[in-house]
N, C-alpha and C. Protein backbone atom coordinates (compact mmCIF):
# COMPACT_ATOMS: atom_id res chain seq x y z
N MET A 1 -26.64 1.52 12.93
CA MET A 1 -26.22 2.86 12.68
C MET A 1 -24.97 2.77 11.79
N MET A 2 -24.88 3.75 10.82
CA MET A 2 -23.64 3.64 9.95
C MET A 2 -22.98 5.15 10.02
N GLU A 3 -21.79 5.15 9.90
CA GLU A 3 -21.08 6.28 9.68
C GLU A 3 -20.18 6.34 8.46
N VAL A 4 -20.46 7.40 7.67
CA VAL A 4 -19.69 7.51 6.46
C VAL A 4 -18.75 8.56 6.47
N THR A 5 -17.43 8.30 6.15
CA THR A 5 -16.28 9.25 6.29
C THR A 5 -15.53 9.45 4.98
N GLU A 6 -14.85 10.44 4.75
CA GLU A 6 -14.00 10.44 3.58
C GLU A 6 -12.85 9.56 3.70
N HIS A 7 -12.53 8.99 2.47
CA HIS A 7 -11.26 8.16 2.39
C HIS A 7 -9.93 8.81 2.57
N SER A 8 -9.12 8.25 3.58
CA SER A 8 -7.96 9.05 3.86
C SER A 8 -6.88 8.71 2.72
N LYS A 9 -6.36 9.92 2.16
CA LYS A 9 -5.43 9.88 1.13
C LYS A 9 -4.04 9.29 1.62
N ASP A 10 -3.83 9.28 2.98
CA ASP A 10 -2.74 8.65 3.56
C ASP A 10 -2.97 7.22 3.84
N ASP A 11 -4.05 6.65 3.33
CA ASP A 11 -4.32 5.17 3.53
C ASP A 11 -3.36 4.50 2.32
N ILE A 12 -2.51 3.74 2.78
CA ILE A 12 -1.47 2.92 1.69
C ILE A 12 -2.07 1.58 1.62
N GLN A 13 -2.18 1.05 0.37
CA GLN A 13 -2.36 -0.27 0.12
C GLN A 13 -1.13 -0.99 -0.46
N TYR A 14 -0.52 -1.81 0.49
CA TYR A 14 0.71 -2.49 0.11
C TYR A 14 0.54 -3.60 -0.94
N PRO A 15 1.58 -3.88 -1.80
CA PRO A 15 2.95 -3.14 -1.84
C PRO A 15 2.90 -1.96 -2.55
N VAL A 16 3.77 -0.99 -2.24
CA VAL A 16 3.98 0.34 -2.95
C VAL A 16 5.32 0.33 -3.33
N ALA A 17 5.65 1.11 -4.39
CA ALA A 17 7.07 1.55 -4.72
C ALA A 17 7.20 2.94 -4.39
N ARG A 18 8.60 3.10 -3.98
CA ARG A 18 9.14 4.57 -3.66
C ARG A 18 10.43 4.64 -4.30
N ARG A 19 10.76 5.79 -4.84
CA ARG A 19 12.11 6.12 -5.29
C ARG A 19 12.81 7.18 -4.27
N SER A 20 14.05 6.76 -4.06
CA SER A 20 14.72 7.63 -2.93
C SER A 20 15.07 9.02 -3.67
N LEU A 21 14.83 10.02 -2.94
CA LEU A 21 15.22 11.36 -3.41
C LEU A 21 16.77 11.58 -3.16
N ILE A 22 17.24 10.68 -2.34
CA ILE A 22 18.81 10.79 -2.10
C ILE A 22 19.71 10.25 -3.14
N ASP A 23 19.25 8.90 -3.38
CA ASP A 23 20.25 8.31 -4.36
C ASP A 23 19.59 7.50 -5.52
N GLY A 24 18.33 7.65 -5.63
CA GLY A 24 17.58 7.22 -6.88
C GLY A 24 17.18 5.82 -6.90
N ILE A 25 17.51 4.98 -5.81
CA ILE A 25 17.17 3.49 -5.78
C ILE A 25 15.52 3.58 -5.71
N VAL A 26 15.01 2.44 -6.04
CA VAL A 26 13.56 2.18 -6.09
C VAL A 26 13.33 0.91 -5.08
N VAL A 27 12.46 1.13 -4.11
CA VAL A 27 12.15 0.14 -3.16
C VAL A 27 10.72 -0.31 -3.26
N LEU A 28 10.55 -1.43 -3.12
CA LEU A 28 9.10 -1.99 -3.16
C LEU A 28 8.85 -2.32 -1.73
N PHE A 29 7.87 -1.64 -1.10
CA PHE A 29 7.62 -1.74 0.27
C PHE A 29 6.38 -2.66 0.48
N PHE A 30 6.65 -3.55 1.40
CA PHE A 30 5.50 -4.54 1.85
C PHE A 30 4.96 -4.04 3.22
N SER A 31 5.53 -3.05 3.80
CA SER A 31 4.81 -2.49 5.10
C SER A 31 5.76 -1.02 5.24
N LYS A 32 5.26 -0.42 6.33
CA LYS A 32 5.83 0.98 6.47
C LYS A 32 7.42 1.14 6.30
N ASN A 33 8.01 0.02 6.83
CA ASN A 33 9.60 0.16 6.92
C ASN A 33 10.22 -1.09 6.26
N THR A 34 9.49 -2.05 5.76
CA THR A 34 9.96 -3.32 5.15
C THR A 34 9.87 -3.22 3.63
N GLY A 35 11.07 -3.60 2.98
CA GLY A 35 10.94 -3.59 1.46
C GLY A 35 12.21 -4.06 0.79
N VAL A 36 12.14 -4.21 -0.44
CA VAL A 36 13.28 -4.87 -1.21
C VAL A 36 13.66 -3.80 -2.38
N VAL A 37 14.88 -3.71 -2.47
CA VAL A 37 15.41 -2.87 -3.73
C VAL A 37 15.17 -3.71 -4.97
N ILE A 38 14.40 -2.76 -5.94
CA ILE A 38 14.13 -3.37 -7.23
C ILE A 38 14.68 -2.68 -8.35
N LYS A 39 15.34 -1.53 -8.06
CA LYS A 39 16.16 -0.93 -9.15
C LYS A 39 17.22 -0.03 -8.29
N THR A 40 18.47 -0.26 -8.65
CA THR A 40 19.59 0.51 -8.30
C THR A 40 19.98 1.63 -9.05
N SER A 41 20.91 2.44 -8.56
CA SER A 41 21.46 3.49 -9.14
C SER A 41 23.01 3.51 -8.94
N PRO A 42 23.73 4.15 -9.86
CA PRO A 42 25.14 4.36 -9.70
C PRO A 42 25.60 5.10 -8.34
N ASP A 43 24.82 5.87 -7.82
CA ASP A 43 25.00 6.50 -6.70
C ASP A 43 24.68 5.88 -5.50
N SER A 44 24.29 4.65 -5.47
CA SER A 44 23.78 3.75 -4.27
C SER A 44 24.73 2.79 -4.03
N GLU A 45 24.92 2.53 -2.61
CA GLU A 45 25.73 1.18 -2.29
C GLU A 45 24.80 0.01 -2.09
N MET A 46 23.39 0.30 -2.28
CA MET A 46 22.51 -0.94 -2.30
C MET A 46 22.62 -1.64 -3.72
N ILE A 47 22.12 -2.96 -3.63
CA ILE A 47 22.24 -3.82 -4.85
C ILE A 47 20.82 -4.33 -4.93
N PHE A 48 20.46 -4.65 -6.19
CA PHE A 48 19.18 -5.27 -6.46
C PHE A 48 18.96 -6.62 -5.53
N GLY A 49 17.85 -6.48 -4.88
CA GLY A 49 17.42 -7.60 -3.90
C GLY A 49 17.70 -7.35 -2.56
N ASP A 50 18.45 -6.34 -2.14
CA ASP A 50 18.73 -6.08 -0.78
C ASP A 50 17.38 -5.96 -0.06
N ILE A 51 17.25 -6.53 1.03
CA ILE A 51 16.02 -6.39 1.78
C ILE A 51 16.32 -5.74 3.16
N SER A 52 15.28 -4.96 3.54
CA SER A 52 15.66 -4.35 4.86
C SER A 52 14.24 -4.25 5.52
N THR A 53 14.20 -4.40 6.92
CA THR A 53 13.04 -4.28 7.66
C THR A 53 13.22 -2.87 8.49
N ASP A 54 14.15 -2.11 8.04
CA ASP A 54 14.44 -0.85 8.94
C ASP A 54 14.65 0.29 7.90
N TRP A 55 13.87 0.40 6.72
CA TRP A 55 13.99 1.45 5.95
C TRP A 55 13.25 2.77 6.60
N THR A 56 13.70 4.00 6.23
CA THR A 56 12.95 5.25 6.59
C THR A 56 11.41 4.89 6.04
N SER A 57 10.54 5.23 6.78
CA SER A 57 9.08 5.17 6.45
C SER A 57 8.88 5.55 4.99
N CYS A 58 8.15 4.80 4.29
CA CYS A 58 7.73 5.00 2.92
C CYS A 58 6.79 6.03 2.81
N ARG A 59 6.41 6.66 4.06
CA ARG A 59 5.44 7.82 4.01
C ARG A 59 6.27 9.13 4.19
N ASP A 60 7.53 8.97 4.27
CA ASP A 60 8.39 10.31 4.47
C ASP A 60 8.75 10.86 3.14
N LYS A 61 8.05 11.99 2.87
CA LYS A 61 8.11 12.57 1.62
C LYS A 61 9.39 13.51 1.34
N VAL A 62 10.21 13.45 2.50
CA VAL A 62 11.53 14.08 2.45
C VAL A 62 12.56 13.14 1.88
N VAL A 63 12.27 11.88 2.07
CA VAL A 63 13.24 10.79 1.56
C VAL A 63 12.64 10.11 0.21
N TRP A 64 11.31 9.84 0.16
CA TRP A 64 10.84 9.11 -0.89
C TRP A 64 9.77 9.92 -1.87
N GLU A 65 9.85 9.56 -3.03
CA GLU A 65 8.82 10.03 -3.88
C GLU A 65 7.88 8.86 -4.47
N ASP A 66 6.61 9.08 -4.62
CA ASP A 66 5.83 7.98 -5.05
C ASP A 66 6.07 7.66 -6.58
N VAL A 67 6.07 6.44 -6.84
CA VAL A 67 6.32 5.96 -8.07
C VAL A 67 5.30 4.75 -8.56
N ASP A 68 4.83 4.81 -9.72
CA ASP A 68 4.01 3.68 -10.21
C ASP A 68 5.02 2.61 -10.94
N ILE A 69 4.61 1.37 -10.55
CA ILE A 69 5.34 0.22 -11.20
C ILE A 69 4.39 -0.73 -11.77
N THR A 70 4.88 -1.37 -12.73
CA THR A 70 4.05 -2.53 -13.37
C THR A 70 4.87 -3.68 -13.23
N ILE A 71 4.42 -4.89 -12.65
CA ILE A 71 5.15 -6.10 -12.65
C ILE A 71 4.48 -7.00 -13.60
N THR A 72 5.30 -7.63 -14.42
CA THR A 72 4.71 -8.54 -15.41
C THR A 72 5.72 -9.88 -15.54
N GLY A 73 5.19 -10.88 -15.90
CA GLY A 73 6.13 -12.00 -16.14
C GLY A 73 5.64 -13.20 -15.47
């Protein structure tokens, strides 16, 4: 037996990048709450490379906006 269902738009494939709506930093998330700062802003106390396992969920649309990034090099 096989069941076919619609793909969930909430299904996240990690890593994903999010920009903070609060201070403009960009975080590369490796899981729901774990990520590293990859772009800072003048309004933030965070610095490039800061890692946290306790970010506000990357699914929280009040705090984060989806962004696309390309990593090369």
